[in-house]
């Protein structure tokens, strides 16, 4: 446990000492804030506006993440996708698709052989 100069190790502070320390820390914070406000008053109006915009940006709540549709539209606009994929269920159901006939051995056998 770290101790201040003049304190004995292991000694607990009294409530009055803790209260004094709390007030001292509060005064230091108030003094720092006062100095900052004085510095802000010395800024030009344009610099104060820039500072305000920066503070507003820091304190604004984070933006909500885009929806899936918005994200896909952004990908299309950026040129990453040619077009947005159709929404689920908009494609032709797989049950209506007809399999094609393939000559030779079944694909499943080829896959099994390749894995060996």
N, C-alpha and C. Protein backbone atom coordinates (compact mmCIF):
# COMPACT_ATOMS: atom_id res chain seq x y z
N UNK A 1 0.84 -1.17 0.00
CA UNK A 1 0.00 0.00 0.00
C UNK A 1 0.89 1.23 0.00
N UNK A 2 0.65 2.14 -0.93
CA UNK A 2 1.45 3.35 -1.01
C UNK A 2 1.00 4.32 0.06
N UNK A 3 1.98 5.02 0.62
CA UNK A 3 1.65 5.99 1.67
C UNK A 3 2.22 7.33 1.29
N UNK A 4 1.61 8.36 1.81
CA UNK A 4 2.11 9.70 1.58
C UNK A 4 3.30 9.94 2.48
N UNK A 5 4.01 10.98 2.19
CA UNK A 5 5.16 11.33 3.00
C UNK A 5 4.68 11.61 4.43
N UNK A 6 5.34 11.08 5.41
CA UNK A 6 5.00 11.34 6.81
C UNK A 6 3.98 10.36 7.37
N UNK A 7 3.46 9.43 6.56
CA UNK A 7 2.50 8.46 7.06
C UNK A 7 3.23 7.16 7.39
N UNK A 8 2.68 6.48 8.37
CA UNK A 8 3.23 5.17 8.72
C UNK A 8 2.57 4.11 7.86
N UNK A 9 3.34 3.12 7.42
CA UNK A 9 2.74 2.02 6.65
C UNK A 9 1.70 1.30 7.49
N UNK A 10 0.57 0.90 6.87
CA UNK A 10 -0.47 0.15 7.57
C UNK A 10 -1.44 1.04 8.32
N UNK A 11 -1.20 2.30 8.42
CA UNK A 11 -2.10 3.21 9.15
C UNK A 11 -3.26 3.58 8.24
N UNK A 12 -4.47 3.48 8.76
CA UNK A 12 -5.65 3.85 8.00
C UNK A 12 -5.96 5.31 8.21
N UNK A 13 -6.46 5.94 7.15
CA UNK A 13 -6.83 7.35 7.26
C UNK A 13 -8.16 7.48 7.97
N UNK A 14 -8.31 8.55 8.68
CA UNK A 14 -9.57 8.82 9.36
C UNK A 14 -10.56 9.38 8.35
N UNK A 15 -11.84 9.40 8.73
CA UNK A 15 -12.88 9.94 7.85
C UNK A 15 -12.60 11.40 7.54
N UNK A 16 -12.11 12.15 8.49
CA UNK A 16 -11.80 13.56 8.27
C UNK A 16 -10.68 13.70 7.25
N UNK A 17 -9.66 12.84 7.35
CA UNK A 17 -8.56 12.89 6.39
C UNK A 17 -9.05 12.53 4.98
N UNK A 18 -9.92 11.51 4.91
CA UNK A 18 -10.47 11.12 3.61
C UNK A 18 -11.33 12.24 3.04
N UNK A 19 -12.11 12.89 3.87
CA UNK A 19 -12.94 14.01 3.43
C UNK A 19 -12.08 15.15 2.93
N UNK A 20 -10.99 15.43 3.63
CA UNK A 20 -10.08 16.49 3.21
C UNK A 20 -9.46 16.15 1.86
N UNK A 21 -9.05 14.88 1.72
CA UNK A 21 -8.44 14.44 0.46
C UNK A 21 -9.46 14.57 -0.68
N UNK A 22 -10.71 14.19 -0.44
CA UNK A 22 -11.75 14.30 -1.45
C UNK A 22 -11.98 15.74 -1.87
N UNK A 23 -12.01 16.62 -0.88
CA UNK A 23 -12.20 18.06 -1.18
C UNK A 23 -11.00 18.59 -1.96
N UNK A 24 -9.81 18.14 -1.57
CA UNK A 24 -8.60 18.60 -2.25
C UNK A 24 -8.62 18.16 -3.72
N UNK A 25 -9.01 16.90 -3.98
CA UNK A 25 -9.09 16.41 -5.36
C UNK A 25 -10.15 17.17 -6.14
N UNK A 26 -11.27 17.48 -5.52
CA UNK A 26 -12.33 18.23 -6.18
C UNK A 26 -11.84 19.65 -6.51
N UNK A 27 -11.12 20.26 -5.58
CA UNK A 27 -10.59 21.60 -5.83
C UNK A 27 -9.60 21.57 -6.98
N UNK A 28 -8.77 20.52 -7.04
CA UNK A 28 -7.80 20.41 -8.13
C UNK A 28 -8.52 20.27 -9.47
N UNK A 29 -9.59 19.48 -9.50
CA UNK A 29 -10.36 19.30 -10.74
C UNK A 29 -11.02 20.61 -11.13
N UNK A 30 -11.56 21.33 -10.16
CA UNK A 30 -12.19 22.61 -10.43
C UNK A 30 -11.16 23.61 -10.95
N UNK A 31 -9.97 23.60 -10.36
CA UNK A 31 -8.90 24.49 -10.81
C UNK A 31 -8.50 24.17 -12.24
N UNK A 32 -8.38 22.88 -12.57
CA UNK A 32 -8.02 22.48 -13.94
C UNK A 32 -9.11 22.91 -14.91
N UNK A 33 -10.36 22.74 -14.52
CA UNK A 33 -11.47 23.15 -15.38
C UNK A 33 -11.45 24.67 -15.58
N UNK A 34 -11.18 25.40 -14.53
CA UNK A 34 -11.11 26.87 -14.64
C UNK A 34 -10.01 27.29 -15.60
N UNK A 35 -8.88 26.62 -15.52
CA UNK A 35 -7.77 26.94 -16.43
C UNK A 35 -8.16 26.64 -17.87
N UNK A 36 -8.84 25.53 -18.09
CA UNK A 36 -9.28 25.19 -19.44
C UNK A 36 -10.26 26.23 -19.97
N UNK A 37 -11.20 26.62 -19.13
CA UNK A 37 -12.19 27.62 -19.56
C UNK A 37 -11.50 28.94 -19.89
N UNK A 38 -10.51 29.32 -19.12
CA UNK A 38 -9.76 30.54 -19.41
C UNK A 38 -9.06 30.42 -20.77
N UNK A 39 -8.51 29.24 -21.05
CA UNK A 39 -7.84 29.03 -22.34
C UNK A 39 -8.86 29.11 -23.48
N UNK A 40 -10.05 28.55 -23.27
CA UNK A 40 -11.09 28.59 -24.30
C UNK A 40 -11.49 30.02 -24.59
N UNK A 41 -11.57 30.84 -23.55
CA UNK A 41 -11.96 32.25 -23.74
C UNK A 41 -10.92 33.00 -24.57
N UNK A 42 -9.69 32.53 -24.56
CA UNK A 42 -8.63 33.19 -25.33
C UNK A 42 -8.65 32.80 -26.81
N UNK A 43 -9.40 31.76 -27.15
CA UNK A 43 -9.48 31.32 -28.54
C UNK A 43 -10.28 32.30 -29.38
N UNK A 44 -10.00 32.28 -30.67
CA UNK A 44 -10.80 33.11 -31.59
C UNK A 44 -12.18 32.47 -31.73
N UNK A 45 -13.17 33.22 -32.18
CA UNK A 45 -14.50 32.64 -32.38
C UNK A 45 -14.48 31.41 -33.29
N UNK A 46 -13.67 31.44 -34.34
CA UNK A 46 -13.58 30.29 -35.24
C UNK A 46 -12.98 29.08 -34.52
N UNK A 47 -11.96 29.30 -33.72
CA UNK A 47 -11.34 28.20 -32.96
C UNK A 47 -12.33 27.66 -31.93
N UNK A 48 -13.11 28.54 -31.31
CA UNK A 48 -14.12 28.08 -30.35
C UNK A 48 -15.18 27.23 -31.05
N UNK A 49 -15.57 27.62 -32.26
CA UNK A 49 -16.54 26.84 -33.02
C UNK A 49 -15.97 25.47 -33.34
N UNK A 50 -14.71 25.41 -33.76
CA UNK A 50 -14.07 24.13 -34.07
C UNK A 50 -13.99 23.25 -32.82
N UNK A 51 -13.66 23.88 -31.69
CA UNK A 51 -13.61 23.13 -30.44
C UNK A 51 -14.98 22.58 -30.08
N UNK A 52 -16.01 23.39 -30.25
CA UNK A 52 -17.39 22.96 -29.95
C UNK A 52 -17.78 21.77 -30.82
N UNK A 53 -17.44 21.85 -32.11
CA UNK A 53 -17.77 20.74 -33.00
C UNK A 53 -17.04 19.46 -32.59
N UNK A 54 -15.79 19.60 -32.18
CA UNK A 54 -15.01 18.43 -31.75
C UNK A 54 -15.60 17.83 -30.48
N UNK A 55 -15.99 18.68 -29.53
CA UNK A 55 -16.58 18.19 -28.28
C UNK A 55 -17.92 17.55 -28.55
N UNK A 56 -18.74 18.18 -29.40
CA UNK A 56 -20.05 17.60 -29.75
C UNK A 56 -19.88 16.23 -30.38
N UNK A 57 -18.87 16.09 -31.24
CA UNK A 57 -18.63 14.80 -31.88
C UNK A 57 -18.20 13.75 -30.86
N UNK A 58 -17.37 14.14 -29.90
CA UNK A 58 -16.92 13.19 -28.87
C UNK A 58 -18.07 12.76 -27.96
N UNK A 59 -18.99 13.66 -27.70
CA UNK A 59 -20.07 13.37 -26.76
C UNK A 59 -21.32 12.81 -27.41
N UNK A 60 -21.39 12.80 -28.74
CA UNK A 60 -22.59 12.30 -29.40
C UNK A 60 -22.66 10.78 -29.26
N UNK A 61 -23.89 10.25 -29.17
CA UNK A 61 -24.01 8.80 -29.05
C UNK A 61 -23.54 8.12 -30.32
N UNK A 62 -23.04 6.90 -30.20
CA UNK A 62 -22.56 6.20 -31.39
C UNK A 62 -23.71 5.94 -32.36
N UNK A 63 -23.42 5.97 -33.63
CA UNK A 63 -24.43 5.72 -34.65
C UNK A 63 -24.83 4.25 -34.63
N UNK A 64 -26.10 4.01 -34.95
CA UNK A 64 -26.59 2.63 -35.00
C UNK A 64 -25.96 1.93 -36.20
N UNK A 65 -25.66 0.66 -36.07
CA UNK A 65 -25.08 -0.05 -37.22
C UNK A 65 -26.10 -0.10 -38.35
N UNK A 66 -25.65 -0.13 -39.60
CA UNK A 66 -26.59 -0.14 -40.73
C UNK A 66 -27.36 -1.45 -40.79
N UNK A 67 -28.54 -1.38 -41.37
CA UNK A 67 -29.31 -2.61 -41.58
C UNK A 67 -28.62 -3.41 -42.69
N UNK A 68 -29.02 -4.62 -42.87
CA UNK A 68 -28.40 -5.46 -43.89
C UNK A 68 -28.62 -4.86 -45.28
N UNK A 69 -29.82 -4.32 -45.51
CA UNK A 69 -30.12 -3.71 -46.81
C UNK A 69 -29.25 -2.48 -47.04
N UNK A 70 -29.08 -1.63 -46.01
CA UNK A 70 -28.23 -0.45 -46.13
C UNK A 70 -26.78 -0.85 -46.41
N UNK A 71 -26.32 -1.88 -45.71
CA UNK A 71 -24.95 -2.36 -45.89
C UNK A 71 -24.73 -2.86 -47.31
N UNK A 72 -25.68 -3.64 -47.82
CA UNK A 72 -25.56 -4.16 -49.18
C UNK A 72 -25.58 -3.02 -50.19
N UNK A 73 -26.43 -2.00 -49.97
CA UNK A 73 -26.49 -0.85 -50.87
C UNK A 73 -25.15 -0.10 -50.86
N UNK A 74 -24.53 0.03 -49.69
CA UNK A 74 -23.22 0.69 -49.59
C UNK A 74 -22.16 -0.12 -50.35
N UNK A 75 -22.23 -1.44 -50.29
CA UNK A 75 -21.28 -2.28 -51.02
C UNK A 75 -21.44 -2.11 -52.53
N UNK A 76 -22.68 -1.97 -52.98
CA UNK A 76 -22.93 -1.75 -54.40
C UNK A 76 -22.39 -0.38 -54.81
N UNK A 77 -22.67 0.65 -54.00
CA UNK A 77 -22.21 2.01 -54.29
C UNK A 77 -20.68 2.09 -54.31
N UNK A 78 -20.02 1.30 -53.47
CA UNK A 78 -18.55 1.30 -53.41
C UNK A 78 -17.94 0.46 -54.54
N UNK A 79 -18.79 -0.26 -55.29
CA UNK A 79 -18.29 -1.07 -56.39
C UNK A 79 -17.80 -2.44 -55.96
N UNK A 80 -18.05 -2.81 -54.73
CA UNK A 80 -17.61 -4.13 -54.24
C UNK A 80 -18.54 -5.22 -54.76
N UNK A 81 -19.84 -4.93 -54.81
CA UNK A 81 -20.82 -5.85 -55.38
C UNK A 81 -21.39 -5.23 -56.65
N UNK A 82 -21.74 -6.08 -57.63
CA UNK A 82 -22.39 -5.57 -58.84
C UNK A 82 -23.83 -5.19 -58.55
N UNK A 83 -24.47 -6.02 -57.75
CA UNK A 83 -25.86 -5.76 -57.36
C UNK A 83 -26.12 -6.42 -56.02
N UNK A 84 -27.11 -5.91 -55.32
CA UNK A 84 -27.46 -6.48 -54.02
C UNK A 84 -28.17 -7.81 -54.25
N UNK A 85 -27.86 -8.80 -53.43
CA UNK A 85 -28.54 -10.09 -53.60
C UNK A 85 -30.02 -9.95 -53.27
N UNK A 86 -30.85 -10.75 -53.91
CA UNK A 86 -32.28 -10.66 -53.62
C UNK A 86 -32.56 -11.10 -52.18
N UNK A 87 -33.63 -10.59 -51.61
CA UNK A 87 -33.94 -10.97 -50.23
C UNK A 87 -34.28 -12.46 -50.14
N UNK A 88 -34.13 -13.04 -48.95
CA UNK A 88 -34.45 -14.47 -48.79
C UNK A 88 -35.89 -14.75 -49.22
N UNK A 89 -36.06 -15.84 -49.93
CA UNK A 89 -37.40 -16.22 -50.37
C UNK A 89 -37.76 -15.64 -51.73
N UNK A 90 -36.96 -14.71 -52.25
CA UNK A 90 -37.25 -14.11 -53.55
C UNK A 90 -36.72 -14.97 -54.69
N UNK A 91 -35.84 -15.88 -54.39
CA UNK A 91 -35.29 -16.76 -55.42
C UNK A 91 -36.27 -17.90 -55.71
N UNK A 92 -36.00 -18.57 -56.79
CA UNK A 92 -36.82 -19.72 -57.15
C UNK A 92 -36.60 -20.82 -56.10
N UNK A 93 -37.68 -21.38 -55.58
CA UNK A 93 -37.51 -22.46 -54.60
C UNK A 93 -36.73 -23.63 -55.20
N UNK A 94 -35.92 -24.27 -54.37
CA UNK A 94 -35.09 -25.37 -54.86
C UNK A 94 -35.93 -26.57 -55.28
N UNK A 95 -37.12 -26.72 -54.77
CA UNK A 95 -37.96 -27.88 -55.13
C UNK A 95 -38.41 -27.82 -56.59
N UNK A 96 -38.47 -26.64 -57.17
CA UNK A 96 -38.90 -26.52 -58.56
C UNK A 96 -37.75 -26.77 -59.53
N UNK A 97 -36.57 -26.82 -59.04
CA UNK A 97 -35.42 -27.07 -59.91
C UNK A 97 -35.37 -28.54 -60.27
N UNK A 98 -34.97 -28.78 -61.50
CA UNK A 98 -34.90 -30.18 -61.95
C UNK A 98 -33.43 -30.56 -62.08
N UNK A 99 -33.06 -31.74 -61.52
CA UNK A 99 -31.67 -32.17 -61.63
C UNK A 99 -31.35 -32.53 -63.08
N UNK A 100 -30.07 -32.37 -63.41
CA UNK A 100 -29.64 -32.76 -64.75
C UNK A 100 -29.00 -34.13 -64.69
N UNK A 101 -29.08 -34.83 -65.77
CA UNK A 101 -28.47 -36.15 -65.83
C UNK A 101 -27.01 -36.00 -66.20
N UNK A 102 -26.14 -36.70 -65.47
CA UNK A 102 -24.71 -36.66 -65.71
C UNK A 102 -24.25 -38.09 -65.97
N UNK A 103 -23.46 -38.25 -67.01
CA UNK A 103 -22.97 -39.59 -67.34
C UNK A 103 -21.74 -39.89 -66.49
N UNK A 104 -21.54 -41.15 -66.21
CA UNK A 104 -20.38 -41.56 -65.44
C UNK A 104 -20.77 -41.92 -64.01
N UNK A 105 -19.74 -42.07 -63.19
CA UNK A 105 -20.02 -42.48 -61.81
C UNK A 105 -20.58 -41.30 -61.01
N UNK A 106 -21.30 -41.58 -59.92
CA UNK A 106 -21.91 -40.53 -59.12
C UNK A 106 -20.84 -39.59 -58.51
N UNK A 107 -21.18 -38.34 -58.38
CA UNK A 107 -20.27 -37.34 -57.84
C UNK A 107 -19.81 -37.71 -56.42
N UNK A 108 -20.71 -38.30 -55.64
CA UNK A 108 -20.35 -38.66 -54.28
C UNK A 108 -19.18 -39.65 -54.24
N UNK A 109 -19.13 -40.56 -55.21
CA UNK A 109 -18.01 -41.51 -55.26
C UNK A 109 -16.71 -40.79 -55.59
N UNK A 110 -16.77 -39.84 -56.51
CA UNK A 110 -15.58 -39.07 -56.87
C UNK A 110 -15.05 -38.30 -55.66
N UNK A 111 -15.93 -37.73 -54.90
CA UNK A 111 -15.53 -36.97 -53.70
C UNK A 111 -14.86 -37.89 -52.70
N UNK A 112 -15.44 -39.06 -52.46
CA UNK A 112 -14.87 -40.02 -51.51
C UNK A 112 -13.49 -40.46 -51.97
N UNK A 113 -13.32 -40.70 -53.26
CA UNK A 113 -12.01 -41.13 -53.79
C UNK A 113 -10.97 -40.03 -53.61
N UNK A 114 -11.38 -38.78 -53.87
CA UNK A 114 -10.44 -37.66 -53.73
C UNK A 114 -9.98 -37.44 -52.29
N UNK A 115 -10.78 -37.83 -51.37
CA UNK A 115 -10.43 -37.64 -49.95
C UNK A 115 -9.44 -38.68 -49.46
N UNK A 116 -9.26 -39.74 -50.22
CA UNK A 116 -8.36 -40.83 -49.77
C UNK A 116 -6.94 -40.52 -50.10
